[in-house]
């Protein structure tokens, strides 16, 4: 079972399938988007089909993400784990680098053996123009892929999933952190944590999903708006 199956299967089998799973805010742009458990899984599936079919991502492939804490980042990370990839924190160690538009040069400088997948992170799905040769535009390509993903073969539990730790180990740590943070299925977690390191990714995304809780993720947070947002979104816990 892949890490994504472990995280999403319990959510999709219960009331979390229809209720908000990820609510994303960007205070710099005014963007707000809300994804249910089903919609999150659909985006992860479309992204996993892209990674497998166009990028040959499979168990043993190493993927680095030069991306902010964003709903699309959650989708492509879940996609990578669904394919059995290992998410690494150092682009120089990666076969594929997933990059936002501002860091494409940094991604290319790492000379990944597979290539670079560029995400515009645009709220309306606009792609990136003028990309260097060999860089794949996520927004253009992902819409061509189906919203169900069936792996060609099961992902081994001992396969590396995050910075050398196996699927079993990462799943165990995610559940431990969820318990330590007091997260449960009824919680809505307001977070401003960054996901660049393993600690932020584990607490800010994996622990929330492992608990079956929902995430309200804020990018470029306006401190003056957070108290009101917590009230409006009826959040029960805070990270960051």
C-alpha atoms as a PDB file:
ATOM      1  CA  UNK A   1       0.000   0.000   0.000  1.00  0.00           C
ATOM      2  CA  UNK A   2       1.323   3.414  -0.936  1.00  0.00           C
ATOM      3  CA  UNK A   3       1.530   6.272   1.536  1.00  0.00           C
ATOM      4  CA  UNK A   4      -1.276   8.029  -0.364  1.00  0.00           C
ATOM      5  CA  UNK A   5      -3.546   4.990  -0.021  1.00  0.00           C
ATOM      6  CA  UNK A   6      -2.829   4.912   3.718  1.00  0.00           C
ATOM      7  CA  UNK A   7      -3.649   8.610   4.050  1.00  0.00           C
ATOM      8  CA  UNK A   8      -6.681   8.906   1.766  1.00  0.00           C
ATOM      9  CA  UNK A   9      -8.469   5.537   1.950  1.00  0.00           C
ATOM     10  CA  UNK A  10      -9.900   6.090   5.465  1.00  0.00           C
ATOM     11  CA  UNK A  11     -10.986   9.619   4.517  1.00  0.00           C
ATOM     12  CA  UNK A  12     -12.678   8.515   1.295  1.00  0.00           C
ATOM     13  CA  UNK A  13     -14.449   5.659   3.067  1.00  0.00           C
ATOM     14  CA  UNK A  14     -16.087   7.965   5.619  1.00  0.00           C
ATOM     15  CA  UNK A  15     -17.788  11.349   5.905  1.00  0.00           C
ATOM     16  CA  UNK A  16     -14.514  13.072   5.047  1.00  0.00           C
ATOM     17  CA  UNK A  17     -15.058  12.157   1.394  1.00  0.00           C
ATOM     18  CA  UNK A  18     -17.630  14.900   0.900  1.00  0.00           C
ATOM     19  CA  UNK A  19     -16.637  17.495   3.464  1.00  0.00           C
ATOM     20  CA  UNK A  20     -13.779  20.016   3.020  1.00  0.00           C
ATOM     21  CA  UNK A  21     -10.379  18.372   3.332  1.00  0.00           C
ATOM     22  CA  UNK A  22      -8.108  21.220   2.177  1.00  0.00           C
ATOM     23  CA  UNK A  23      -9.109  24.885   2.281  1.00  0.00           C
ATOM     24  CA  UNK A  24      -6.405  27.101   0.816  1.00  0.00           C
ATOM     25  CA  UNK A  25      -5.920  30.845   1.258  1.00  0.00           C
ATOM     26  CA  UNK A  26      -3.341  33.177  -0.264  1.00  0.00           C
ATOM     27  CA  UNK A  27      -3.522  36.529   1.487  1.00  0.00           C
ATOM     28  CA  UNK A  28      -1.309  38.159  -1.151  1.00  0.00           C
ATOM     29  CA  UNK A  29      -3.790  37.445  -3.951  1.00  0.00           C
ATOM     30  CA  UNK A  30      -7.080  37.015  -2.094  1.00  0.00           C
ATOM     31  CA  UNK A  31      -7.370  33.463  -3.392  1.00  0.00           C
ATOM     32  CA  UNK A  32      -9.523  30.916  -1.572  1.00  0.00           C
ATOM     33  CA  UNK A  33     -10.198  27.404  -2.799  1.00  0.00           C
ATOM     34  CA  UNK A  34     -11.816  24.485  -1.028  1.00  0.00           C
ATOM     35  CA  UNK A  35     -11.352  20.821  -1.930  1.00  0.00           C
ATOM     36  CA  UNK A  36     -13.334  17.916  -0.534  1.00  0.00           C
ATOM     37  CA  UNK A  37     -11.734  14.565   0.135  1.00  0.00           C
ATOM     38  CA  UNK A  38     -13.001  13.302  -3.235  1.00  0.00           C
ATOM     39  CA  UNK A  39     -11.751  16.375  -5.120  1.00  0.00           C
ATOM     40  CA  UNK A  40      -8.345  16.140  -3.444  1.00  0.00           C
ATOM     41  CA  UNK A  41      -8.114  12.483  -4.464  1.00  0.00           C
ATOM     42  CA  UNK A  42      -9.155  13.330  -8.023  1.00  0.00           C
ATOM     43  CA  UNK A  43      -6.436  15.972  -8.350  1.00  0.00           C
ATOM     44  CA  UNK A  44      -3.879  13.577  -6.862  1.00  0.00           C
ATOM     45  CA  UNK A  45      -4.982  10.886  -9.333  1.00  0.00           C
ATOM     46  CA  UNK A  46      -4.721  13.192 -12.360  1.00  0.00           C
ATOM     47  CA  UNK A  47      -1.266  14.248 -11.174  1.00  0.00           C
ATOM     48  CA  UNK A  48      -0.212  10.626 -10.531  1.00  0.00           C
ATOM     49  CA  UNK A  49      -1.259   9.609 -14.044  1.00  0.00           C
ATOM     50  CA  UNK A  50       0.828  12.487 -15.420  1.00  0.00           C
ATOM     51  CA  UNK A  51       3.874  11.574 -13.321  1.00  0.00           C
ATOM     52  CA  UNK A  52       3.690   7.907 -14.230  1.00  0.00           C
ATOM     53  CA  UNK A  53       2.736   8.152 -17.904  1.00  0.00           C
ATOM     54  CA  UNK A  54       4.817  11.170 -18.934  1.00  0.00           C
ATOM     55  CA  UNK A  55       7.638  11.230 -16.386  1.00  0.00           C
ATOM     56  CA  UNK A  56       8.070   7.489 -15.698  1.00  0.00           C
ATOM     57  CA  UNK A  57       7.818   8.042 -11.950  1.00  0.00           C
ATOM     58  CA  UNK A  58       7.753   4.699 -10.136  1.00  0.00           C
ATOM     59  CA  UNK A  59       9.032   3.111  -6.917  1.00  0.00           C
ATOM     60  CA  UNK A  60      12.637   4.211  -6.510  1.00  0.00           C
ATOM     61  CA  UNK A  61      12.201   7.517  -8.357  1.00  0.00           C
ATOM     62  CA  UNK A  62      13.296  10.487  -6.258  1.00  0.00           C
ATOM     63  CA  UNK A  63      11.211  13.654  -6.443  1.00  0.00           C
ATOM     64  CA  UNK A  64      12.017  17.072  -4.962  1.00  0.00           C
ATOM     65  CA  UNK A  65       9.489  19.889  -4.599  1.00  0.00           C
ATOM     66  CA  UNK A  66      10.503  23.540  -4.895  1.00  0.00           C
ATOM     67  CA  UNK A  67       6.957  24.550  -4.055  1.00  0.00           C
ATOM     68  CA  UNK A  68       5.126  26.481  -1.324  1.00  0.00           C
ATOM     69  CA  UNK A  69       2.538  24.977   0.988  1.00  0.00           C
ATOM     70  CA  UNK A  70      -0.311  25.037  -1.529  1.00  0.00           C
ATOM     71  CA  UNK A  71      -3.231  22.807  -2.470  1.00  0.00           C
ATOM     72  CA  UNK A  72      -1.541  21.921  -5.767  1.00  0.00           C
ATOM     73  CA  UNK A  73       1.605  20.977  -3.862  1.00  0.00           C
ATOM     74  CA  UNK A  74      -0.485  18.592  -1.763  1.00  0.00           C
ATOM     75  CA  UNK A  75      -1.880  17.081  -4.975  1.00  0.00           C
ATOM     76  CA  UNK A  76       1.502  16.468  -6.603  1.00  0.00           C
ATOM     77  CA  UNK A  77       3.090  15.117  -3.419  1.00  0.00           C
ATOM     78  CA  UNK A  78       0.212  12.686  -2.953  1.00  0.00           C
ATOM     79  CA  UNK A  79       0.625  11.797  -6.628  1.00  0.00           C
ATOM     80  CA  UNK A  80       4.327  11.096  -6.208  1.00  0.00           C
ATOM     81  CA  UNK A  81       3.649   8.806  -3.243  1.00  0.00           C
ATOM     82  CA  UNK A  82       0.835   7.085  -5.143  1.00  0.00           C
ATOM     83  CA  UNK A  83       3.384   6.232  -7.833  1.00  0.00           C
ATOM     84  CA  UNK A  84       5.748   4.935  -5.146  1.00  0.00           C
ATOM     85  CA  UNK A  85       8.283   7.755  -5.427  1.00  0.00           C
ATOM     86  CA  UNK A  86      10.531   8.994  -2.645  1.00  0.00           C
ATOM     87  CA  UNK A  87      10.161  12.686  -1.829  1.00  0.00           C
ATOM     88  CA  UNK A  88      13.575  14.191  -1.063  1.00  0.00           C
ATOM     89  CA  UNK A  89      14.387  17.645   0.243  1.00  0.00           C
ATOM     90  CA  UNK A  90      17.505  18.238  -1.862  1.00  0.00           C
ATOM     91  CA  UNK A  91      16.966  18.876  -5.601  1.00  0.00           C
ATOM     92  CA  UNK A  92      20.510  17.699  -6.346  1.00  0.00           C
ATOM     93  CA  UNK A  93      19.428  14.231  -5.185  1.00  0.00           C
ATOM     94  CA  UNK A  94      16.262  14.148  -7.300  1.00  0.00           C
ATOM     95  CA  UNK A  95      15.376  12.470 -10.577  1.00  0.00           C
ATOM     96  CA  UNK A  96      12.502  14.929 -11.032  1.00  0.00           C
ATOM     97  CA  UNK A  97      12.064  18.404  -9.577  1.00  0.00           C
ATOM     98  CA  UNK A  98       8.588  19.882  -9.190  1.00  0.00           C
ATOM     99  CA  UNK A  99       9.001  23.648  -9.267  1.00  0.00           C
ATOM    100  CA  UNK A 100       6.997  26.840  -9.144  1.00  0.00           C
ATOM    101  CA  UNK A 101       7.600  29.444 -11.815  1.00  0.00           C
ATOM    102  CA  UNK A 102      10.006  31.480  -9.705  1.00  0.00           C
ATOM    103  CA  UNK A 103      12.444  28.615  -9.126  1.00  0.00           C
ATOM    104  CA  UNK A 104      12.708  26.924 -12.512  1.00  0.00           C
ATOM    105  CA  UNK A 105      16.319  28.085 -12.939  1.00  0.00           C
ATOM    106  CA  UNK A 106      17.193  26.567  -9.564  1.00  0.00           C
ATOM    107  CA  UNK A 107      15.446  23.336 -10.534  1.00  0.00           C
ATOM    108  CA  UNK A 108      17.331  23.146 -13.834  1.00  0.00           C
ATOM    109  CA  UNK A 109      20.620  23.916 -12.094  1.00  0.00           C
ATOM    110  CA  UNK A 110      20.172  20.714 -10.079  1.00  0.00           C
ATOM    111  CA  UNK A 111      20.346  18.820 -13.407  1.00  0.00           C
ATOM    112  CA  UNK A 112      17.752  16.198 -12.464  1.00  0.00           C
ATOM    113  CA  UNK A 113      18.101  13.023 -14.514  1.00  0.00           C
ATOM    114  CA  UNK A 114      14.393  12.935 -15.339  1.00  0.00           C
ATOM    115  CA  UNK A 115      13.487  16.575 -15.732  1.00  0.00           C
ATOM    116  CA  UNK A 116      11.471  19.457 -14.326  1.00  0.00           C
ATOM    117  CA  UNK A 117       7.698  19.751 -13.949  1.00  0.00           C
ATOM    118  CA  UNK A 118       6.674  23.396 -13.558  1.00  0.00           C
ATOM    119  CA  UNK A 119       3.554  24.495 -11.685  1.00  0.00           C
ATOM    120  CA  UNK A 120       2.105  27.949 -12.244  1.00  0.00           C
ATOM    121  CA  UNK A 121      -0.089  27.596  -9.116  1.00  0.00           C
ATOM    122  CA  UNK A 122      -2.580  29.811 -10.927  1.00  0.00           C
ATOM    123  CA  UNK A 123      -6.039  29.824  -9.370  1.00  0.00           C
ATOM    124  CA  UNK A 124      -7.680  29.614 -12.798  1.00  0.00           C
ATOM    125  CA  UNK A 125      -5.450  26.873 -14.173  1.00  0.00           C
ATOM    126  CA  UNK A 126      -3.357  29.026 -16.496  1.00  0.00           C
ATOM    127  CA  UNK A 127      -0.082  27.480 -17.531  1.00  0.00           C
ATOM    128  CA  UNK A 128       3.398  28.952 -17.775  1.00  0.00           C
ATOM    129  CA  UNK A 129       4.610  30.333 -21.086  1.00  0.00           C
ATOM    130  CA  UNK A 130       8.134  30.581 -22.451  1.00  0.00           C
ATOM    131  CA  UNK A 131       9.404  27.544 -20.547  1.00  0.00           C
ATOM    132  CA  UNK A 132      12.902  26.255 -21.335  1.00  0.00           C
ATOM    133  CA  UNK A 133      13.127  23.184 -23.539  1.00  0.00           C
ATOM    134  CA  UNK A 134      12.412  19.978 -21.659  1.00  0.00           C
ATOM    135  CA  UNK A 135      10.394  21.612 -18.846  1.00  0.00           C
ATOM    136  CA  UNK A 136       6.852  20.243 -18.632  1.00  0.00           C
ATOM    137  CA  UNK A 137       3.991  22.619 -17.848  1.00  0.00           C
ATOM    138  CA  UNK A 138       1.801  20.983 -15.207  1.00  0.00           C
ATOM    139  CA  UNK A 139      -1.338  23.017 -15.866  1.00  0.00           C
ATOM    140  CA  UNK A 140      -1.340  22.170 -19.573  1.00  0.00           C
ATOM    141  CA  UNK A 141      -0.602  18.477 -19.212  1.00  0.00           C
ATOM    142  CA  UNK A 142      -2.561  17.486 -16.104  1.00  0.00           C
ATOM    143  CA  UNK A 143      -5.959  18.301 -17.621  1.00  0.00           C
ATOM    144  CA  UNK A 144      -5.401  15.531 -20.192  1.00  0.00           C
ATOM    145  CA  UNK A 145      -5.250  12.823 -17.539  1.00  0.00           C
ATOM    146  CA  UNK A 146      -7.993  10.858 -15.833  1.00  0.00           C
ATOM    147  CA  UNK A 147      -9.128  11.489 -12.273  1.00  0.00           C
ATOM    148  CA  UNK A 148      -8.766   7.865 -11.194  1.00  0.00           C
ATOM    149  CA  UNK A 149      -5.391   6.225 -10.630  1.00  0.00           C
ATOM    150  CA  UNK A 150      -4.668   2.502 -10.602  1.00  0.00           C
ATOM    151  CA  UNK A 151      -0.991   1.646 -10.077  1.00  0.00           C
ATOM    152  CA  UNK A 152       0.554  -0.912 -12.384  1.00  0.00           C
ATOM    153  CA  UNK A 153       1.835  -2.795  -9.336  1.00  0.00           C
ATOM    154  CA  UNK A 154       1.478  -2.362  -5.556  1.00  0.00           C
ATOM    155  CA  UNK A 155       3.937  -0.052  -3.824  1.00  0.00           C
ATOM    156  CA  UNK A 156       6.046  -2.087  -1.352  1.00  0.00           C
ATOM    157  CA  UNK A 157       5.655  -1.067   2.285  1.00  0.00           C
ATOM    158  CA  UNK A 158       9.439  -0.923   2.564  1.00  0.00           C
ATOM    159  CA  UNK A 159       9.810   1.464  -0.388  1.00  0.00           C
ATOM    160  CA  UNK A 160      11.371   4.811   0.499  1.00  0.00           C
ATOM    161  CA  UNK A 161       8.716   7.537   0.771  1.00  0.00           C
ATOM    162  CA  UNK A 162      10.264  10.579   2.472  1.00  0.00           C
ATOM    163  CA  UNK A 163      13.943  11.422   2.905  1.00  0.00           C
ATOM    164  CA  UNK A 164      14.980   7.768   3.194  1.00  0.00           C
ATOM    165  CA  UNK A 165      12.156   6.657   5.483  1.00  0.00           C
ATOM    166  CA  UNK A 166       9.905   3.879   4.214  1.00  0.00           C
ATOM    167  CA  UNK A 167       6.157   4.018   3.612  1.00  0.00           C
ATOM    168  CA  UNK A 168       5.606   2.125   6.881  1.00  0.00           C
ATOM    169  CA  UNK A 169       7.907   4.447   8.821  1.00  0.00           C
ATOM    170  CA  UNK A 170       6.423   7.677   7.437  1.00  0.00           C
ATOM    171  CA  UNK A 171       2.870   6.467   8.042  1.00  0.00           C
ATOM    172  CA  UNK A 172       3.806   5.564  11.626  1.00  0.00           C
ATOM    173  CA  UNK A 173       5.436   8.942  12.281  1.00  0.00           C
ATOM    174  CA  UNK A 174       2.451  10.776  10.776  1.00  0.00           C
ATOM    175  CA  UNK A 175       0.068   8.978  13.132  1.00  0.00           C
ATOM    176  CA  UNK A 176       2.357   9.592  16.100  1.00  0.00           C
ATOM    177  CA  UNK A 177       2.530  13.289  15.331  1.00  0.00           C
ATOM    178  CA  UNK A 178      -1.237  13.464  14.859  1.00  0.00           C
ATOM    179  CA  UNK A 179      -1.691  11.958  18.316  1.00  0.00           C
ATOM    180  CA  UNK A 180       0.951  14.222  19.862  1.00  0.00           C
ATOM    181  CA  UNK A 181      -0.693  17.294  18.344  1.00  0.00           C
ATOM    182  CA  UNK A 182      -4.119  16.155  19.481  1.00  0.00           C
ATOM    183  CA  UNK A 183      -5.622  15.972  15.979  1.00  0.00           C
ATOM    184  CA  UNK A 184      -8.745  13.918  15.329  1.00  0.00           C
ATOM    185  CA  UNK A 185     -11.305  13.494  12.537  1.00  0.00           C
ATOM    186  CA  UNK A 186     -13.447  16.344  13.856  1.00  0.00           C
ATOM    187  CA  UNK A 187     -10.628  18.895  13.771  1.00  0.00           C
ATOM    188  CA  UNK A 188     -10.032  21.723  11.315  1.00  0.00           C
ATOM    189  CA  UNK A 189      -6.402  22.772  11.519  1.00  0.00           C
ATOM    190  CA  UNK A 190      -5.386  26.342  10.636  1.00  0.00           C
ATOM    191  CA  UNK A 191      -1.773  26.259   9.486  1.00  0.00           C
ATOM    192  CA  UNK A 192       0.852  28.695   8.235  1.00  0.00           C
ATOM    193  CA  UNK A 193       3.626  26.086   8.299  1.00  0.00           C
ATOM    194  CA  UNK A 194       5.969  25.744   5.346  1.00  0.00           C
ATOM    195  CA  UNK A 195       6.425  22.255   3.860  1.00  0.00           C
ATOM    196  CA  UNK A 196      10.003  22.554   2.595  1.00  0.00           C
ATOM    197  CA  UNK A 197      11.493  20.401   5.370  1.00  0.00           C
ATOM    198  CA  UNK A 198      10.427  16.998   6.632  1.00  0.00           C
ATOM    199  CA  UNK A 199       9.226  18.404   9.972  1.00  0.00           C
ATOM    200  CA  UNK A 200       6.935  20.998   8.423  1.00  0.00           C
ATOM    201  CA  UNK A 201       5.643  18.530   5.848  1.00  0.00           C
ATOM    202  CA  UNK A 202       4.998  15.882   8.485  1.00  0.00           C
ATOM    203  CA  UNK A 203       3.144  18.153  10.911  1.00  0.00           C
ATOM    204  CA  UNK A 204       1.579  20.499   8.386  1.00  0.00           C
ATOM    205  CA  UNK A 205       0.208  17.938   5.921  1.00  0.00           C
ATOM    206  CA  UNK A 206       0.808  14.292   6.776  1.00  0.00           C
ATOM    207  CA  UNK A 207      -0.295  14.417  10.418  1.00  0.00           C
ATOM    208  CA  UNK A 208      -3.462  16.304   9.501  1.00  0.00           C
ATOM    209  CA  UNK A 209      -4.405  13.761   6.830  1.00  0.00           C
ATOM    210  CA  UNK A 210      -3.399  10.800   9.003  1.00  0.00           C
ATOM    211  CA  UNK A 211      -5.812  12.050  11.669  1.00  0.00           C
ATOM    212  CA  UNK A 212      -8.621  12.367   9.141  1.00  0.00           C
ATOM    213  CA  UNK A 213      -8.790  16.070  10.018  1.00  0.00           C
ATOM    214  CA  UNK A 214      -9.204  18.922   7.540  1.00  0.00           C
ATOM    215  CA  UNK A 215      -6.592  21.554   6.753  1.00  0.00           C
ATOM    216  CA  UNK A 216      -6.993  25.310   6.364  1.00  0.00           C
ATOM    217  CA  UNK A 217      -3.654  26.291   4.826  1.00  0.00           C
ATOM    218  CA  UNK A 218      -2.650  29.964   4.583  1.00  0.00           C
ATOM    219  CA  UNK A 219       0.042  31.222   2.214  1.00  0.00           C
ATOM    220  CA  UNK A 220       1.495  34.702   2.672  1.00  0.00           C
ATOM    221  CA  UNK A 221      -0.568  34.982   5.864  1.00  0.00           C
ATOM    222  CA  UNK A 222      -1.815  38.334   7.031  1.00  0.00           C
ATOM    223  CA  UNK A 223      -1.495  38.166  10.827  1.00  0.00           C
ATOM    224  CA  UNK A 224      -4.418  40.569  11.216  1.00  0.00           C
ATOM    225  CA  UNK A 225      -6.685  38.218   9.273  1.00  0.00           C
ATOM    226  CA  UNK A 226      -5.881  34.949  11.018  1.00  0.00           C
ATOM    227  CA  UNK A 227      -8.069  35.400  14.090  1.00  0.00           C
ATOM    228  CA  UNK A 228     -11.082  36.215  11.953  1.00  0.00           C
ATOM    229  CA  UNK A 229     -10.285  33.322   9.618  1.00  0.00           C
ATOM    230  CA  UNK A 230     -10.128  30.896  12.510  1.00  0.00           C
ATOM    231  CA  UNK A 231     -13.590  32.018  13.527  1.00  0.00           C
ATOM    232  CA  UNK A 232     -15.082  31.939  10.022  1.00  0.00           C
ATOM    233  CA  UNK A 233     -13.575  28.544   9.178  1.00  0.00           C
ATOM    234  CA  UNK A 234     -14.402  27.159  12.632  1.00  0.00           C
ATOM    235  CA  UNK A 235     -10.900  25.852  13.112  1.00  0.00           C
ATOM    236  CA  UNK A 236     -10.098  23.902  16.253  1.00  0.00           C
ATOM    237  CA  UNK A 237      -6.275  23.790  16.166  1.00  0.00           C
ATOM    238  CA  UNK A 238      -3.399  25.970  14.977  1.00  0.00           C
ATOM    239  CA  UNK A 239       0.020  25.257  13.486  1.00  0.00           C
ATOM    240  CA  UNK A 240       2.619  27.921  12.893  1.00  0.00           C
END
